[in-house]
C-alpha atoms as a PDB file:
ATOM      1  CA  MET A   1       9.261  -4.099  -0.252  1.00  0.00           C
ATOM      2  CA  SER A   2      10.360  -3.882  -3.802  1.00  0.00           C
ATOM      3  CA  ALA A   3      10.312  -0.438  -5.291  1.00  0.00           C
ATOM      4  CA  GLN A   4      10.899   0.596  -8.855  1.00  0.00           C
ATOM      5  CA  THR A   5      11.799   4.071  -9.999  1.00  0.00           C
ATOM      6  CA  ALA A   6       9.191   5.414 -12.399  1.00  0.00           C
ATOM      7  CA  SER A   7       9.733   7.563 -15.460  1.00  0.00           C
ATOM      8  CA  PRO A   8       9.033  11.302 -15.001  1.00  0.00           C
ATOM      9  CA  ASN A   9       5.629  11.228 -16.752  1.00  0.00           C
ATOM     10  CA  GLU A  10       4.367   8.087 -15.021  1.00  0.00           C
ATOM     11  CA  LEU A  11       2.002   8.162 -12.053  1.00  0.00           C
ATOM     12  CA  THR A  12       3.413   6.482  -8.969  1.00  0.00           C
ATOM     13  CA  ASN A  13       1.836   5.049  -5.838  1.00  0.00           C
ATOM     14  CA  GLY A  14       4.723   5.576  -3.421  1.00  0.00           C
ATOM     15  CA  ALA A  15       3.316   8.659  -1.712  1.00  0.00           C
ATOM     16  CA  GLY A  16      -0.029   6.975  -1.076  1.00  0.00           C
ATOM     17  CA  ALA A  17       1.637   3.795   0.154  1.00  0.00           C
ATOM     18  CA  ALA A  18       3.770   5.893   2.511  1.00  0.00           C
ATOM     19  CA  ALA A  19       0.656   7.484   4.003  1.00  0.00           C
ATOM     20  CA  VAL A  20      -1.055   4.111   4.495  1.00  0.00           C
ATOM     21  CA  LEU A  21       1.946   2.454   6.145  1.00  0.00           C
ATOM     22  CA  ALA A  22       2.617   5.496   8.338  1.00  0.00           C
ATOM     23  CA  ALA A  23      -0.988   5.353   9.564  1.00  0.00           C
ATOM     24  CA  GLY A  24      -0.550   1.704  10.553  1.00  0.00           C
ATOM     25  CA  ILE A  25       2.696   2.489  12.336  1.00  0.00           C
ATOM     26  CA  GLY A  26       1.075   5.445  14.100  1.00  0.00           C
ATOM     27  CA  THR A  27      -1.853   3.420  15.425  1.00  0.00           C
ATOM     28  CA  PHE A  28       0.439   0.676  16.660  1.00  0.00           C
ATOM     29  CA  THR A  29       2.693   3.259  18.314  1.00  0.00           C
ATOM     30  CA  ILE A  30      -0.238   4.645  20.283  1.00  0.00           C
ATOM     31  CA  MET A  31      -1.030   1.214  21.690  1.00  0.00           C
ATOM     32  CA  VAL A  32       2.585   0.323  22.497  1.00  0.00           C
ATOM     33  CA  LEU A  33       3.159   3.633  24.273  1.00  0.00           C
ATOM     34  CA  ASP A  34      -0.183   3.388  26.069  1.00  0.00           C
ATOM     35  CA  LEU A  35       0.618  -0.094  27.342  1.00  0.00           C
ATOM     36  CA  ALA A  36       4.117   1.015  28.352  1.00  0.00           C
ATOM     37  CA  ALA A  37       2.744   4.019  30.248  1.00  0.00           C
ATOM     38  CA  ASP A  38       0.219   1.755  31.945  1.00  0.00           C
ATOM     39  CA  LYS A  39       2.802  -0.817  33.052  1.00  0.00           C
ATOM     40  CA  VAL A  40       5.953   1.258  33.738  1.00  0.00           C
ATOM     41  CA  ALA A  41       5.791   4.055  36.306  1.00  0.00           C
ATOM     42  CA  ALA A  42       8.777   5.932  34.835  1.00  0.00           C
ATOM     43  CA  ILE A  43       7.167   6.080  31.388  1.00  0.00           C
ATOM     44  CA  LYS A  44       3.868   7.098  32.955  1.00  0.00           C
ATOM     45  CA  SER A  45       5.599   9.993  34.687  1.00  0.00           C
ATOM     46  CA  ILE A  46       7.511  11.075  31.556  1.00  0.00           C
ATOM     47  CA  ALA A  47       4.386  10.912  29.405  1.00  0.00           C
ATOM     48  CA  ASN A  48       2.379  13.145  31.732  1.00  0.00           C
ATOM     49  CA  PHE A  49       2.642  16.366  29.674  1.00  0.00           C
ATOM     50  CA  TYR A  50      -0.635  17.840  30.919  1.00  0.00           C
ATOM     51  CA  ARG A  51      -1.753  16.843  34.413  1.00  0.00           C
ATOM     52  CA  PRO A  52      -5.569  16.832  33.865  1.00  0.00           C
ATOM     53  CA  THR A  53      -5.173  14.456  30.923  1.00  0.00           C
ATOM     54  CA  GLY A  54      -2.452  12.329  32.486  1.00  0.00           C
ATOM     55  CA  PRO A  55      -0.032  10.170  30.504  1.00  0.00           C
ATOM     56  CA  LEU A  56      -2.401  10.036  27.537  1.00  0.00           C
ATOM     57  CA  SER A  57      -1.234  13.542  26.595  1.00  0.00           C
ATOM     58  CA  GLY A  58       2.357  12.364  26.160  1.00  0.00           C
ATOM     59  CA  VAL A  59       1.368   9.072  24.550  1.00  0.00           C
ATOM     60  CA  THR A  60      -0.678  10.741  21.831  1.00  0.00           C
ATOM     61  CA  THR A  61       1.862  13.512  21.292  1.00  0.00           C
ATOM     62  CA  ALA A  62       4.713  11.018  20.894  1.00  0.00           C
ATOM     63  CA  ALA A  63       2.626   8.776  18.634  1.00  0.00           C
ATOM     64  CA  ILE A  64       1.728  11.724  16.402  1.00  0.00           C
ATOM     65  CA  LEU A  65       5.412  12.644  16.136  1.00  0.00           C
ATOM     66  CA  VAL A  66       6.296   9.036  15.222  1.00  0.00           C
ATOM     67  CA  TRP A  67       3.476   8.954  12.649  1.00  0.00           C
ATOM     68  CA  LEU A  68       4.571  12.229  11.043  1.00  0.00           C
ATOM     69  CA  ALA A  69       8.236  11.198  11.025  1.00  0.00           C
ATOM     70  CA  CYS A  70       7.426   7.822   9.436  1.00  0.00           C
ATOM     71  CA  TRP A  71       5.207   9.483   6.864  1.00  0.00           C
ATOM     72  CA  ALA A  72       7.864  12.059   5.983  1.00  0.00           C
ATOM     73  CA  ILE A  73      10.654   9.491   5.706  1.00  0.00           C
ATOM     74  CA  LEU A  74       8.601   6.970   3.723  1.00  0.00           C
ATOM     75  CA  ASP A  75       7.257   9.689   1.426  1.00  0.00           C
ATOM     76  CA  TRP A  76      10.769  10.980   0.842  1.00  0.00           C
ATOM     77  CA  ARG A  77      11.967   7.450  -0.005  1.00  0.00           C
ATOM     78  CA  TRP A  78       8.943   6.308  -2.063  1.00  0.00           C
ATOM     79  CA  LYS A  79       7.556   9.507  -3.619  1.00  0.00           C
ATOM     80  CA  LYS A  80       8.781   8.750  -7.161  1.00  0.00           C
ATOM     81  CA  ARG A  81       8.523   4.983  -6.953  1.00  0.00           C
ATOM     82  CA  GLU A  82       6.074   2.249  -7.705  1.00  0.00           C
ATOM     83  CA  VAL A  83       5.620   0.290  -4.460  1.00  0.00           C
ATOM     84  CA  ALA A  84       4.000  -3.099  -3.822  1.00  0.00           C
ATOM     85  CA  VAL A  85       0.751  -1.656  -2.436  1.00  0.00           C
ATOM     86  CA  THR A  86      -0.738  -5.031  -1.520  1.00  0.00           C
ATOM     87  CA  ARG A  87       2.151  -5.763   0.814  1.00  0.00           C
ATOM     88  CA  VAL A  88       2.108  -2.261   2.298  1.00  0.00           C
ATOM     89  CA  CYS A  89      -1.649  -2.411   2.902  1.00  0.00           C
ATOM     90  CA  THR A  90      -1.342  -5.870   4.459  1.00  0.00           C
ATOM     91  CA  ILE A  91       1.336  -4.688   6.873  1.00  0.00           C
ATOM     92  CA  ALA A  92      -0.685  -1.579   7.748  1.00  0.00           C
ATOM     93  CA  LEU A  93      -3.819  -3.671   8.290  1.00  0.00           C
ATOM     94  CA  VAL A  94      -1.961  -6.123  10.543  1.00  0.00           C
ATOM     95  CA  LEU A  95      -0.646  -3.207  12.623  1.00  0.00           C
ATOM     96  CA  LEU A  96      -4.132  -1.714  12.819  1.00  0.00           C
ATOM     97  CA  VAL A  97      -5.706  -5.032  13.884  1.00  0.00           C
ATOM     98  CA  LEU A  98      -2.990  -5.583  16.514  1.00  0.00           C
ATOM     99  CA  SER A  99      -3.660  -2.082  17.819  1.00  0.00           C
ATOM    100  CA  LEU A 100      -7.370  -2.783  18.031  1.00  0.00           C
ATOM    101  CA  VAL A 101      -6.874  -6.142  19.748  1.00  0.00           C
ATOM    102  CA  LEU A 102      -4.573  -4.541  22.326  1.00  0.00           C
ATOM    103  CA  THR A 103      -7.335  -2.120  23.339  1.00  0.00           C
ATOM    104  CA  PHE A 104      -9.307  -4.947  24.949  1.00  0.00           C
ATOM    105  CA  PRO A 105      -8.431  -5.134  28.675  1.00  0.00           C
ATOM    106  CA  PRO A 106      -8.250  -8.946  28.942  1.00  0.00           C
ATOM    107  CA  ILE A 107      -5.575  -9.039  26.258  1.00  0.00           C
ATOM    108  CA  ALA A 108      -3.742  -5.915  27.411  1.00  0.00           C
ATOM    109  CA  ASP A 109      -3.647  -7.266  30.966  1.00  0.00           C
ATOM    110  CA  LEU A 110      -1.812 -10.370  29.757  1.00  0.00           C
ATOM    111  CA  LEU A 111       1.167  -8.247  28.745  1.00  0.00           C
END
């Protein structure tokens, strides 16, 4: 992702691009952790933060932490830059679509 530093008076898109990409990473993280907790007993046990909810409590908590960390790091790196938004949005959309596809049991069961 090419990034250019902008002049002080110029509007930049880096902060917005950081939010979009972090959202894609966050959604994909939820699905990866959910599948891992479903398939691996040790991860299922570790992710069980709140017994009535089960491992979903740990999966969502960890995914939110990953999302916030990605957003903070990307925002810190891109805040004053002009970023290739088309590429960022494409990557975020691919991650979102993969996350959605992995929610369907026939596909998730293949993994």
